[in-house]
Amino acid sequence: MDWQNLMRRLAPLRTRWDLAVLANLAGSDAPVRPADLIKAINEQSAEGQISWKVLEARLHRLQASGYVARREVPHVARETRYWLLPRGHRLMTALGVLETWYDEQEPGTGGDVPSG
């Protein structure tokens, strides 16, 4: 495994709120307004609140990395919507596999104990 390449590719996801943003976009059937996104993330978070400034920075970085797309809503003053691009959907699918693997490795599940 080329771990350096993997770390470079995962760089946009290394801040505190990246997965929260992606998970909430992945859980939506339609493009999401930032106001709805911040509300959902802050309702879910037990470890603090994401600010508007941080959310905007995360969305712009995830957009620049090709995980999310942004669209201005015509005829509505300053309203934007965000959604996952195919790359973002594939990433969330891969992370779901990793989450399942971690869940299977929890103590008491038999995932770590050698047989015999």
PDB file of N, CA and C in Angstrom:
ATOM      1  N   MET A   1       0.839  -1.179   0.000  1.00  0.00           N
ATOM      2  CA  MET A   1       0.000   0.000   0.000  1.00  0.00           C
ATOM      3  C   MET A   1       0.885   1.245   0.000  1.00  0.00           C
ATOM      4  N   ASP A   2       0.541   2.184  -0.853  1.00  0.00           N
ATOM      5  CA  ASP A   2       1.247   3.464  -0.907  1.00  0.00           C
ATOM      6  C   ASP A   2       0.603   4.398   0.120  1.00  0.00           C
ATOM      7  N   TRP A   3       1.056   4.316   1.359  1.00  0.00           N
ATOM      8  CA  TRP A   3       0.426   5.058   2.449  1.00  0.00           C
ATOM      9  C   TRP A   3       0.551   6.565   2.277  1.00  0.00           C
ATOM     10  N   GLN A   4       1.644   7.022   1.654  1.00  0.00           N
ATOM     11  CA  GLN A   4       1.811   8.460   1.450  1.00  0.00           C
ATOM     12  C   GLN A   4       0.771   8.995   0.459  1.00  0.00           C
ATOM     13  N   ASN A   5       0.531   8.240  -0.590  1.00  0.00           N
ATOM     14  CA  ASN A   5      -0.484   8.620  -1.563  1.00  0.00           C
ATOM     15  C   ASN A   5      -1.870   8.622  -0.908  1.00  0.00           C
ATOM     16  N   LEU A   6      -2.148   7.625  -0.097  1.00  0.00           N
ATOM     17  CA  LEU A   6      -3.429   7.557   0.594  1.00  0.00           C
ATOM     18  C   LEU A   6      -3.613   8.739   1.546  1.00  0.00           C
ATOM     19  N   MET A   7      -2.576   9.083   2.299  1.00  0.00           N
ATOM     20  CA  MET A   7      -2.649  10.236   3.201  1.00  0.00           C
ATOM     21  C   MET A   7      -2.888  11.534   2.414  1.00  0.00           C
ATOM     22  N   ARG A   8      -2.241  11.662   1.283  1.00  0.00           N
ATOM     23  CA  ARG A   8      -2.408  12.853   0.447  1.00  0.00           C
ATOM     24  C   ARG A   8      -3.857  12.934  -0.055  1.00  0.00           C
ATOM     25  N   ARG A   9      -4.402  11.795  -0.469  1.00  0.00           N
ATOM     26  CA  ARG A   9      -5.770  11.781  -0.979  1.00  0.00           C
ATOM     27  C   ARG A   9      -6.809  12.021   0.118  1.00  0.00           C
ATOM     28  N   LEU A  10      -6.488  11.611   1.324  1.00  0.00           N
ATOM     29  CA  LEU A  10      -7.420  11.801   2.437  1.00  0.00           C
ATOM     30  C   LEU A  10      -7.260  13.166   3.119  1.00  0.00           C
ATOM     31  N   ALA A  11      -6.289  13.954   2.683  1.00  0.00           N
ATOM     32  CA  ALA A  11      -6.012  15.253   3.316  1.00  0.00           C
ATOM     33  C   ALA A  11      -7.253  16.132   3.463  1.00  0.00           C
ATOM     34  N   PRO A  12      -8.143  16.211   2.467  1.00  0.00           N
ATOM     35  CA  PRO A  12      -9.320  17.067   2.650  1.00  0.00           C
ATOM     36  C   PRO A  12     -10.263  16.580   3.752  1.00  0.00           C
ATOM     37  N   LEU A  13     -10.075  15.378   4.244  1.00  0.00           N
ATOM     38  CA  LEU A  13     -10.985  14.818   5.241  1.00  0.00           C
ATOM     39  C   LEU A  13     -10.385  14.754   6.629  1.00  0.00           C
ATOM     40  N   ARG A  14      -9.341  15.474   6.850  1.00  0.00           N
ATOM     41  CA  ARG A  14      -8.643  15.345   8.127  1.00  0.00           C
ATOM     42  C   ARG A  14      -9.037  16.370   9.173  1.00  0.00           C
ATOM     43  N   THR A  15      -9.981  17.227   8.895  1.00  0.00           N
ATOM     44  CA  THR A  15     -10.398  18.159   9.928  1.00  0.00           C
ATOM     45  C   THR A  15     -11.654  17.644  10.620  1.00  0.00           C
ATOM     46  N   ARG A  16     -11.946  18.230  11.716  1.00  0.00           N
ATOM     47  CA  ARG A  16     -12.986  17.762  12.626  1.00  0.00           C
ATOM     48  C   ARG A  16     -14.357  17.593  11.981  1.00  0.00           C
ATOM     49  N   TRP A  17     -14.741  18.462  11.074  1.00  0.00           N
ATOM     50  CA  TRP A  17     -16.115  18.489  10.593  1.00  0.00           C
ATOM     51  C   TRP A  17     -16.326  17.880   9.212  1.00  0.00           C
ATOM     52  N   ASP A  18     -15.270  17.445   8.553  1.00  0.00           N
ATOM     53  CA  ASP A  18     -15.404  16.961   7.180  1.00  0.00           C
ATOM     54  C   ASP A  18     -16.376  15.794   7.050  1.00  0.00           C
ATOM     55  N   LEU A  19     -16.241  14.799   7.908  1.00  0.00           N
ATOM     56  CA  LEU A  19     -17.120  13.635   7.813  1.00  0.00           C
ATOM     57  C   LEU A  19     -18.554  13.987   8.171  1.00  0.00           C
ATOM     58  N   ALA A  20     -18.732  14.908   9.103  1.00  0.00           N
ATOM     59  CA  ALA A  20     -20.087  15.343   9.444  1.00  0.00           C
ATOM     60  C   ALA A  20     -20.768  15.981   8.236  1.00  0.00           C
ATOM     61  N   VAL A  21     -20.029  16.812   7.522  1.00  0.00           N
ATOM     62  CA  VAL A  21     -20.571  17.451   6.322  1.00  0.00           C
ATOM     63  C   VAL A  21     -20.903  16.397   5.275  1.00  0.00           C
ATOM     64  N   LEU A  22     -19.956  15.518   4.978  1.00  0.00           N
ATOM     65  CA  LEU A  22     -20.180  14.496   3.953  1.00  0.00           C
ATOM     66  C   LEU A  22     -21.310  13.547   4.330  1.00  0.00           C
ATOM     67  N   ALA A  23     -21.354  13.107   5.571  1.00  0.00           N
ATOM     68  CA  ALA A  23     -22.395  12.170   6.006  1.00  0.00           C
ATOM     69  C   ALA A  23     -23.781  12.801   5.887  1.00  0.00           C
ATOM     70  N   ASN A  24     -23.895  14.069   6.235  1.00  0.00           N
ATOM     71  CA  ASN A  24     -25.189  14.724   6.132  1.00  0.00           C
ATOM     72  C   ASN A  24     -25.600  14.974   4.685  1.00  0.00           C
ATOM     73  N   LEU A  25     -24.650  15.253   3.839  1.00  0.00           N
ATOM     74  CA  LEU A  25     -24.974  15.388   2.416  1.00  0.00           C
ATOM     75  C   LEU A  25     -25.348  14.035   1.825  1.00  0.00           C
ATOM     76  N   ALA A  26     -24.658  12.988   2.247  1.00  0.00           N
ATOM     77  CA  ALA A  26     -24.951  11.642   1.744  1.00  0.00           C
ATOM     78  C   ALA A  26     -26.331  11.173   2.187  1.00  0.00           C
ATOM     79  N   GLY A  27     -26.775  11.638   3.330  1.00  0.00           N
ATOM     80  CA  GLY A  27     -28.067  11.230   3.850  1.00  0.00           C
ATOM     81  C   GLY A  27     -29.245  11.986   3.271  1.00  0.00           C
ATOM     82  N   SER A  28     -28.994  12.865   2.342  1.00  0.00           N
ATOM     83  CA  SER A  28     -30.055  13.682   1.761  1.00  0.00           C
ATOM     84  C   SER A  28     -30.349  13.245   0.332  1.00  0.00           C
ATOM     85  N   ASP A  29     -31.623  13.273  -0.028  1.00  0.00           N
ATOM     86  CA  ASP A  29     -32.033  12.918  -1.391  1.00  0.00           C
ATOM     87  C   ASP A  29     -31.994  14.102  -2.350  1.00  0.00           C
ATOM     88  N   ALA A  30     -31.817  15.305  -1.797  1.00  0.00           N
ATOM     89  CA  ALA A  30     -31.832  16.515  -2.618  1.00  0.00           C
ATOM     90  C   ALA A  30     -30.698  17.432  -2.175  1.00  0.00           C
ATOM     91  N   PRO A  31     -30.326  18.379  -3.015  1.00  0.00           N
ATOM     92  CA  PRO A  31     -29.314  19.355  -2.588  1.00  0.00           C
ATOM     93  C   PRO A  31     -29.729  20.045  -1.291  1.00  0.00           C
ATOM     94  N   VAL A  32     -28.735  20.350  -0.465  1.00  0.00           N
ATOM     95  CA  VAL A  32     -28.977  20.840   0.891  1.00  0.00           C
ATOM     96  C   VAL A  32     -28.541  22.299   1.024  1.00  0.00           C
ATOM     97  N   ARG A  33     -29.367  23.080   1.699  1.00  0.00           N
ATOM     98  CA  ARG A  33     -29.009  24.463   2.011  1.00  0.00           C
ATOM     99  C   ARG A  33     -28.020  24.450   3.172  1.00  0.00           C
ATOM    100  N   PRO A  34     -27.050  25.358   3.183  1.00  0.00           N
ATOM    101  CA  PRO A  34     -26.110  25.419   4.301  1.00  0.00           C
ATOM    102  C   PRO A  34     -26.809  25.573   5.656  1.00  0.00           C
ATOM    103  N   ALA A  35     -27.919  26.324   5.705  1.00  0.00           N
ATOM    104  CA  ALA A  35     -28.635  26.511   6.977  1.00  0.00           C
ATOM    105  C   ALA A  35     -29.149  25.169   7.505  1.00  0.00           C
ATOM    106  N   ASP A  36     -29.641  24.324   6.605  1.00  0.00           N
ATOM    107  CA  ASP A  36     -30.126  23.008   7.027  1.00  0.00           C
ATOM    108  C   ASP A  36     -28.964  22.105   7.426  1.00  0.00           C
ATOM    109  N   LEU A  37     -27.864  22.241   6.728  1.00  0.00           N
ATOM    110  CA  LEU A  37     -26.682  21.433   7.016  1.00  0.00           C
ATOM    111  C   LEU A  37     -26.106  21.769   8.392  1.00  0.00           C
ATOM    112  N   ILE A  38     -25.950  23.047   8.689  1.00  0.00           N
ATOM    113  CA  ILE A  38     -25.391  23.439   9.978  1.00  0.00           C
ATOM    114  C   ILE A  38     -26.326  23.025  11.120  1.00  0.00           C
ATOM    115  N   LYS A  39     -27.621  23.154  10.903  1.00  0.00           N
ATOM    116  CA  LYS A  39     -28.588  22.758  11.927  1.00  0.00           C
ATOM    117  C   LYS A  39     -28.487  21.260  12.207  1.00  0.00           C
ATOM    118  N   ALA A  40     -28.444  20.447  11.158  1.00  0.00           N
ATOM    119  CA  ALA A  40     -28.367  18.993  11.332  1.00  0.00           C
ATOM    120  C   ALA A  40     -27.076  18.583  12.036  1.00  0.00           C
ATOM    121  N   ILE A  41     -25.957  19.148  11.612  1.00  0.00           N
ATOM    122  CA  ILE A  41     -24.666  18.798  12.217  1.00  0.00           C
ATOM    123  C   ILE A  41     -24.642  19.190  13.692  1.00  0.00           C
ATOM    124  N   ASN A  42     -25.093  20.389  13.998  1.00  0.00           N
ATOM    125  CA  ASN A  42     -25.064  20.854  15.381  1.00  0.00           C
ATOM    126  C   ASN A  42     -26.024  20.070  16.270  1.00  0.00           C
ATOM    127  N   GLU A  43     -27.137  19.593  15.717  1.00  0.00           N
ATOM    128  CA  GLU A  43     -28.048  18.748  16.497  1.00  0.00           C
ATOM    129  C   GLU A  43     -27.430  17.383  16.794  1.00  0.00           C
ATOM    130  N   GLN A  44     -26.597  16.891  15.910  1.00  0.00           N
ATOM    131  CA  GLN A  44     -25.971  15.577  16.066  1.00  0.00           C
ATOM    132  C   GLN A  44     -24.730  15.618  16.948  1.00  0.00           C
ATOM    133  N   SER A  45     -24.080  16.748  17.008  1.00  0.00           N
ATOM    134  CA  SER A  45     -22.775  16.851  17.658  1.00  0.00           C
ATOM    135  C   SER A  45     -22.884  16.926  19.174  1.00  0.00           C
ATOM    136  N   ALA A  46     -22.136  16.052  19.823  1.00  0.00           N
ATOM    137  CA  ALA A  46     -22.046  16.085  21.284  1.00  0.00           C
ATOM    138  C   ALA A  46     -20.763  16.788  21.722  1.00  0.00           C
ATOM    139  N   GLU A  47     -19.948  17.189  20.758  1.00  0.00           N
ATOM    140  CA  GLU A  47     -18.632  17.764  21.060  1.00  0.00           C
ATOM    141  C   GLU A  47     -18.465  19.155  20.483  1.00  0.00           C
ATOM    142  N   GLY A  48     -19.420  20.025  20.723  1.00  0.00           N
ATOM    143  CA  GLY A  48     -19.298  21.385  20.236  1.00  0.00           C
ATOM    144  C   GLY A  48     -20.154  21.635  19.020  1.00  0.00           C
ATOM    145  N   GLN A  49     -20.091  22.865  18.536  1.00  0.00           N
ATOM    146  CA  GLN A  49     -20.921  23.309  17.428  1.00  0.00           C
ATOM    147  C   GLN A  49     -20.032  23.811  16.296  1.00  0.00           C
ATOM    148  N   ILE A  50     -20.443  23.525  15.079  1.00  0.00           N
ATOM    149  CA  ILE A  50     -19.726  24.046  13.915  1.00  0.00           C
ATOM    150  C   ILE A  50     -20.242  25.463  13.651  1.00  0.00           C
ATOM    151  N   SER A  51     -19.339  26.358  13.357  1.00  0.00           N
ATOM    152  CA  SER A  51     -19.720  27.741  13.071  1.00  0.00           C
ATOM    153  C   SER A  51     -19.969  27.901  11.574  1.00  0.00           C
ATOM    154  N   TRP A  52     -20.626  29.004  11.213  1.00  0.00           N
ATOM    155  CA  TRP A  52     -20.859  29.295   9.802  1.00  0.00           C
ATOM    156  C   TRP A  52     -19.545  29.419   9.038  1.00  0.00           C
ATOM    157  N   LYS A  53     -18.582  30.093   9.643  1.00  0.00           N
ATOM    158  CA  LYS A  53     -17.286  30.297   8.985  1.00  0.00           C
ATOM    159  C   LYS A  53     -16.596  28.963   8.719  1.00  0.00           C
ATOM    160  N   VAL A  54     -16.609  28.077   9.691  1.00  0.00           N
ATOM    161  CA  VAL A  54     -15.973  26.769   9.527  1.00  0.00           C
ATOM    162  C   VAL A  54     -16.736  25.931   8.497  1.00  0.00           C
ATOM    163  N   LEU A  55     -18.066  25.945   8.567  1.00  0.00           N
ATOM    164  CA  LEU A  55     -18.858  25.184   7.588  1.00  0.00           C
ATOM    165  C   LEU A  55     -18.551  25.659   6.176  1.00  0.00           C
ATOM    166  N   GLU A  56     -18.519  26.961   5.986  1.00  0.00           N
ATOM    167  CA  GLU A  56     -18.224  27.502   4.660  1.00  0.00           C
ATOM    168  C   GLU A  56     -16.845  27.066   4.181  1.00  0.00           C
ATOM    169  N   ALA A  57     -15.852  27.103   5.060  1.00  0.00           N
ATOM    170  CA  ALA A  57     -14.493  26.686   4.689  1.00  0.00           C
ATOM    171  C   ALA A  57     -14.459  25.202   4.335  1.00  0.00           C
ATOM    172  N   ARG A  58     -15.157  24.372   5.115  1.00  0.00           N
ATOM    173  CA  ARG A  58     -15.174  22.933   4.845  1.00  0.00           C
ATOM    174  C   ARG A  58     -15.847  22.657   3.507  1.00  0.00           C
ATOM    175  N   LEU A  59     -16.981  23.313   3.255  1.00  0.00           N
ATOM    176  CA  LEU A  59     -17.687  23.098   1.992  1.00  0.00           C
ATOM    177  C   LEU A  59     -16.838  23.523   0.801  1.00  0.00           C
ATOM    178  N   HIS A  60     -16.151  24.648   0.914  1.00  0.00           N
ATOM    179  CA  HIS A  60     -15.303  25.100  -0.194  1.00  0.00           C
ATOM    180  C   HIS A  60     -14.147  24.133  -0.435  1.00  0.00           C
ATOM    181  N   ARG A  61     -13.551  23.621   0.636  1.00  0.00           N
ATOM    182  CA  ARG A  61     -12.433  22.681   0.458  1.00  0.00           C
ATOM    183  C   ARG A  61     -12.920  21.355  -0.124  1.00  0.00           C
ATOM    184  N   LEU A  62     -14.060  20.873   0.344  1.00  0.00           N
ATOM    185  CA  LEU A  62     -14.606  19.626  -0.192  1.00  0.00           C
ATOM    186  C   LEU A  62     -15.039  19.804  -1.646  1.00  0.00           C
ATOM    187  N   GLN A  63     -15.499  20.987  -1.985  1.00  0.00           N
ATOM    188  CA  GLN A  63     -15.841  21.280  -3.376  1.00  0.00           C
ATOM    189  C   GLN A  63     -14.578  21.304  -4.238  1.00  0.00           C
ATOM    190  N   ALA A  64     -13.543  21.964  -3.768  1.00  0.00           N
ATOM    191  CA  ALA A  64     -12.282  22.034  -4.517  1.00  0.00           C
ATOM    192  C   ALA A  64     -11.651  20.650  -4.690  1.00  0.00           C
ATOM    193  N   SER A  65     -11.933  19.743  -3.759  1.00  0.00           N
ATOM    194  CA  SER A  65     -11.386  18.386  -3.827  1.00  0.00           C
ATOM    195  C   SER A  65     -12.251  17.446  -4.660  1.00  0.00           C
ATOM    196  N   GLY A  66     -13.376  17.922  -5.135  1.00  0.00           N
ATOM    197  CA  GLY A  66     -14.221  17.118  -6.014  1.00  0.00           C
ATOM    198  C   GLY A  66     -15.199  16.193  -5.305  1.00  0.00           C
ATOM    199  N   TYR A  67     -15.444  16.426  -4.011  1.00  0.00           N
ATOM    200  CA  TYR A  67     -16.380  15.576  -3.273  1.00  0.00           C
ATOM    201  C   TYR A  67     -17.797  16.130  -3.278  1.00  0.00           C
ATOM    202  N   VAL A  68     -17.937  17.441  -3.315  1.00  0.00           N
ATOM    203  CA  VAL A  68     -19.264  18.062  -3.303  1.00  0.00           C
ATOM    204  C   VAL A  68     -19.364  19.097  -4.413  1.00  0.00           C
ATOM    205  N   ALA A  69     -20.603  19.405  -4.767  1.00  0.00           N
ATOM    206  CA  ALA A  69     -20.877  20.445  -5.763  1.00  0.00           C
ATOM    207  C   ALA A  69     -21.752  21.509  -5.119  1.00  0.00           C
ATOM    208  N   ARG A  70     -21.702  22.678  -5.711  1.00  0.00           N
ATOM    209  CA  ARG A  70     -22.428  23.843  -5.196  1.00  0.00           C
ATOM    210  C   ARG A  70     -23.182  24.493  -6.340  1.00  0.00           C
ATOM    211  N   ARG A  71     -24.389  24.948  -6.024  1.00  0.00           N
ATOM    212  CA  ARG A  71     -25.185  25.638  -7.036  1.00  0.00           C
ATOM    213  C   ARG A  71     -25.904  26.806  -6.383  1.00  0.00           C
ATOM    214  N   GLU A  72     -25.855  27.943  -7.058  1.00  0.00           N
ATOM    215  CA  GLU A  72     -26.635  29.106  -6.632  1.00  0.00           C
ATOM    216  C   GLU A  72     -28.069  28.884  -7.112  1.00  0.00           C
ATOM    217  N   VAL A  73     -29.029  29.149  -6.247  1.00  0.00           N
ATOM    218  CA  VAL A  73     -30.430  29.011  -6.608  1.00  0.00           C
ATOM    219  C   VAL A  73     -30.859  30.296  -7.308  1.00  0.00           C
ATOM    220  N   PRO A  74     -31.313  30.197  -8.560  1.00  0.00           N
ATOM    221  CA  PRO A  74     -31.715  31.405  -9.280  1.00  0.00           C
ATOM    222  C   PRO A  74     -32.961  32.036  -8.646  1.00  0.00           C
ATOM    223  N   HIS A  75     -33.013  33.322  -8.700  1.00  0.00           N
ATOM    224  CA  HIS A  75     -34.150  34.115  -8.222  1.00  0.00           C
ATOM    225  C   HIS A  75     -34.305  34.106  -6.704  1.00  0.00           C
ATOM    226  N   VAL A  76     -33.349  33.572  -5.994  1.00  0.00           N
ATOM    227  CA  VAL A  76     -33.372  33.613  -4.531  1.00  0.00           C
ATOM    228  C   VAL A  76     -32.073  34.277  -4.103  1.00  0.00           C
ATOM    229  N   ALA A  77     -32.191  35.354  -3.367  1.00  0.00           N
ATOM    230  CA  ALA A  77     -31.009  36.116  -2.967  1.00  0.00           C
ATOM    231  C   ALA A  77     -30.067  35.270  -2.114  1.00  0.00           C
ATOM    232  N   ARG A  78     -28.860  35.122  -2.596  1.00  0.00           N
ATOM    233  CA  ARG A  78     -27.767  34.467  -1.862  1.00  0.00           C
ATOM    234  C   ARG A  78     -28.111  33.085  -1.300  1.00  0.00           C
ATOM    235  N   GLU A  79     -28.823  32.293  -2.028  1.00  0.00           N
ATOM    236  CA  GLU A  79     -29.112  30.941  -1.555  1.00  0.00           C
ATOM    237  C   GLU A  79     -28.335  29.938  -2.399  1.00  0.00           C
ATOM    238  N   THR A  80     -27.659  29.052  -1.713  1.00  0.00           N
ATOM    239  CA  THR A  80     -26.890  28.011  -2.383  1.00  0.00           C
ATOM    240  C   THR A  80     -27.358  26.656  -1.887  1.00  0.00           C
ATOM    241  N   ARG A  81     -27.043  25.653  -2.662  1.00  0.00           N
ATOM    242  CA  ARG A  81     -27.338  24.266  -2.307  1.00  0.00           C
ATOM    243  C   ARG A  81     -26.087  23.440  -2.581  1.00  0.00           C
ATOM    244  N   TYR A  82     -25.885  22.412  -1.776  1.00  0.00           N
ATOM    245  CA  TYR A  82     -24.739  21.517  -1.923  1.00  0.00           C
ATOM    246  C   TYR A  82     -25.227  20.089  -2.011  1.00  0.00           C
ATOM    247  N   TRP A  83     -24.464  19.262  -2.727  1.00  0.00           N
ATOM    248  CA  TRP A  83     -24.763  17.838  -2.818  1.00  0.00           C
ATOM    249  C   TRP A  83     -23.466  17.088  -3.091  1.00  0.00           C
ATOM    250  N   LEU A  84     -23.506  15.779  -2.838  1.00  0.00           N
ATOM    251  CA  LEU A  84     -22.334  14.946  -3.091  1.00  0.00           C
ATOM    252  C   LEU A  84     -22.210  14.646  -4.574  1.00  0.00           C
ATOM    253  N   LEU A  85     -21.004  14.689  -5.056  1.00  0.00           N
ATOM    254  CA  LEU A  85     -20.689  14.241  -6.409  1.00  0.00           C
ATOM    255  C   LEU A  85     -20.431  12.738  -6.362  1.00  0.00           C
ATOM    256  N   PRO A  86     -20.356  12.063  -7.505  1.00  0.00           N
ATOM    257  CA  PRO A  86     -20.092  10.620  -7.493  1.00  0.00           C
ATOM    258  C   PRO A  86     -18.851  10.246  -6.672  1.00  0.00           C
ATOM    259  N   ARG A  87     -17.813  11.058  -6.747  1.00  0.00           N
ATOM    260  CA  ARG A  87     -16.608  10.789  -5.949  1.00  0.00           C
ATOM    261  C   ARG A  87     -16.927  10.791  -4.456  1.00  0.00           C
ATOM    262  N   GLY A  88     -17.761  11.710  -4.014  1.00  0.00           N
ATOM    263  CA  GLY A  88     -18.174  11.767  -2.620  1.00  0.00           C
ATOM    264  C   GLY A  88     -19.002  10.563  -2.225  1.00  0.00           C
ATOM    265  N   HIS A  89     -19.899  10.130  -3.111  1.00  0.00           N
ATOM    266  CA  HIS A  89     -20.700   8.927  -2.835  1.00  0.00           C
ATOM    267  C   HIS A  89     -19.812   7.690  -2.716  1.00  0.00           C
ATOM    268  N   ARG A  90     -18.839   7.574  -3.616  1.00  0.00           N
ATOM    269  CA  ARG A  90     -17.924   6.411  -3.546  1.00  0.00           C
ATOM    270  C   ARG A  90     -17.105   6.440  -2.263  1.00  0.00           C
ATOM    271  N   LEU A  91     -16.669   7.615  -1.857  1.00  0.00           N
ATOM    272  CA  LEU A  91     -15.921   7.738  -0.611  1.00  0.00           C
ATOM    273  C   LEU A  91     -16.779   7.312   0.575  1.00  0.00           C
ATOM    274  N   MET A  92     -18.011   7.774   0.618  1.00  0.00           N
ATOM    275  CA  MET A  92     -18.882   7.421   1.737  1.00  0.00           C
ATOM    276  C   MET A  92     -19.176   5.925   1.754  1.00  0.00           C
ATOM    277  N   THR A  93     -19.293   5.299   0.591  1.00  0.00           N
ATOM    278  CA  THR A  93     -19.481   3.848   0.526  1.00  0.00           C
ATOM    279  C   THR A  93     -18.260   3.136   1.094  1.00  0.00           C
ATOM    280  N   ALA A  94     -17.068   3.587   0.700  1.00  0.00           N
ATOM    281  CA  ALA A  94     -15.829   2.978   1.208  1.00  0.00           C
ATOM    282  C   ALA A  94     -15.705   3.181   2.719  1.00  0.00           C
ATOM    283  N   LEU A  95     -16.058   4.355   3.195  1.00  0.00           N
ATOM    284  CA  LEU A  95     -15.987   4.610   4.637  1.00  0.00           C
ATOM    285  C   LEU A  95     -17.019   3.776   5.392  1.00  0.00           C
ATOM    286  N   GLY A  96     -18.150   3.490   4.763  1.00  0.00           N
ATOM    287  CA  GLY A  96     -19.142   2.602   5.362  1.00  0.00           C
ATOM    288  C   GLY A  96     -18.586   1.196   5.542  1.00  0.00           C
ATOM    289  N   VAL A  97     -17.812   0.724   4.560  1.00  0.00           N
ATOM    290  CA  VAL A  97     -17.160  -0.584   4.672  1.00  0.00           C
ATOM    291  C   VAL A  97     -16.160  -0.564   5.824  1.00  0.00           C
ATOM    292  N   LEU A  98     -15.393   0.504   5.929  1.00  0.00           N
ATOM    293  CA  LEU A  98     -14.423   0.635   7.015  1.00  0.00           C
ATOM    294  C   LEU A  98     -15.130   0.677   8.370  1.00  0.00           C
ATOM    295  N   GLU A  99     -16.242   1.393   8.447  1.00  0.00           N
ATOM    296  CA  GLU A  99     -17.006   1.457   9.699  1.00  0.00           C
ATOM    297  C   GLU A  99     -17.507   0.073  10.099  1.00  0.00           C
ATOM    298  N   THR A 100     -17.988  -0.697   9.135  1.00  0.00           N
ATOM    299  CA  THR A 100     -18.446  -2.063   9.409  1.00  0.00           C
ATOM    300  C   THR A 100     -17.294  -2.914   9.913  1.00  0.00           C
ATOM    301  N   TRP A 101     -16.123  -2.773   9.301  1.00  0.00           N
ATOM    302  CA  TRP A 101     -14.960  -3.532   9.744  1.00  0.00           C
ATOM    303  C   TRP A 101     -14.618  -3.179  11.189  1.00  0.00           C
ATOM    304  N   TYR A 102     -14.610  -1.889  11.512  1.00  0.00           N
ATOM    305  CA  TYR A 102     -14.332  -1.464  12.890  1.00  0.00           C
ATOM    306  C   TYR A 102     -15.359  -2.046  13.856  1.00  0.00           C
ATOM    307  N   ASP A 103     -16.638  -1.992  13.489  1.00  0.00           N
ATOM    308  CA  ASP A 103     -17.686  -2.542  14.350  1.00  0.00           C
ATOM    309  C   ASP A 103     -17.470  -4.024  14.618  1.00  0.00           C
ATOM    310  N   GLU A 104     -17.006  -4.745  13.609  1.00  0.00           N
ATOM    311  CA  GLU A 104     -16.753  -6.178  13.762  1.00  0.00           C
ATOM    312  C   GLU A 104     -15.533  -6.463  14.618  1.00  0.00           C
ATOM    313  N   GLN A 105     -14.664  -5.465  14.784  1.00  0.00           N
ATOM    314  CA  GLN A 105     -13.448  -5.652  15.574  1.00  0.00           C
ATOM    315  C   GLN A 105     -13.621  -5.242  17.032  1.00  0.00           C
ATOM    316  N   GLU A 106     -14.796  -4.796  17.400  1.00  0.00           N
ATOM    317  CA  GLU A 106     -15.048  -4.385  18.776  1.00  0.00           C
ATOM    318  C   GLU A 106     -14.792  -5.555  19.726  1.00  0.00           C
ATOM    319  N   PRO A 107     -14.254  -5.274  20.906  1.00  0.00           N
ATOM    320  CA  PRO A 107     -14.060  -6.342  21.888  1.00  0.00           C
ATOM    321  C   PRO A 107     -15.372  -7.075  22.158  1.00  0.00           C
ATOM    322  N   GLY A 108     -15.271  -8.392  22.270  1.00  0.00           N
ATOM    323  CA  GLY A 108     -16.441  -9.207  22.547  1.00  0.00           C
ATOM    324  C   GLY A 108     -17.137  -9.725  21.306  1.00  0.00           C
ATOM    325  N   THR A 109     -16.702  -9.282  20.110  1.00  0.00           N
ATOM    326  CA  THR A 109     -17.343  -9.769  18.892  1.00  0.00           C
ATOM    327  C   THR A 109     -16.599 -10.951  18.314  1.00  0.00           C
ATOM    328  N   GLY A 110     -15.455 -11.270  18.865  1.00  0.00           N
ATOM    329  CA  GLY A 110     -14.672 -12.396  18.366  1.00  0.00           C
ATOM    330  C   GLY A 110     -13.785 -12.042  17.209  1.00  0.00           C
ATOM    331  N   GLY A 111     -13.752 -10.772  16.807  1.00  0.00           N
ATOM    332  CA  GLY A 111     -12.955 -10.360  15.647  1.00  0.00           C
ATOM    333  C   GLY A 111     -11.460 -10.372  15.899  1.00  0.00           C
ATOM    334  N   ASP A 112     -11.019 -10.212  17.162  1.00  0.00           N
ATOM    335  CA  ASP A 112      -9.589 -10.119  17.462  1.00  0.00           C
ATOM    336  C   ASP A 112      -9.004 -11.416  18.013  1.00  0.00           C
ATOM    337  N   VAL A 113      -9.824 -12.319  18.443  1.00  0.00           N
ATOM    338  CA  VAL A 113      -9.360 -13.480  19.189  1.00  0.00           C
ATOM    339  C   VAL A 113      -8.981 -14.592  18.218  1.00  0.00           C
ATOM    340  N   PRO A 114      -7.709 -15.014  18.271  1.00  0.00           N
ATOM    341  CA  PRO A 114      -7.318 -16.132  17.411  1.00  0.00           C
ATOM    342  C   PRO A 114      -7.967 -17.414  17.894  1.00  0.00           C
ATOM    343  N   SER A 115      -8.377 -18.242  16.975  1.00  0.00           N
ATOM    344  CA  SER A 115      -8.988 -19.509  17.366  1.00  0.00           C
ATOM    345  C   SER A 115      -7.911 -20.547  17.640  1.00  0.00           C
ATOM    346  N   GLY A 116      -8.263 -21.505  18.464  1.00  0.00           N
ATOM    347  CA  GLY A 116      -7.334 -22.606  18.684  1.00  0.00           C
ATOM    348  C   GLY A 116      -6.775 -22.567  19.982  1.00  0.00           C
TER     349      GLY A 116
END
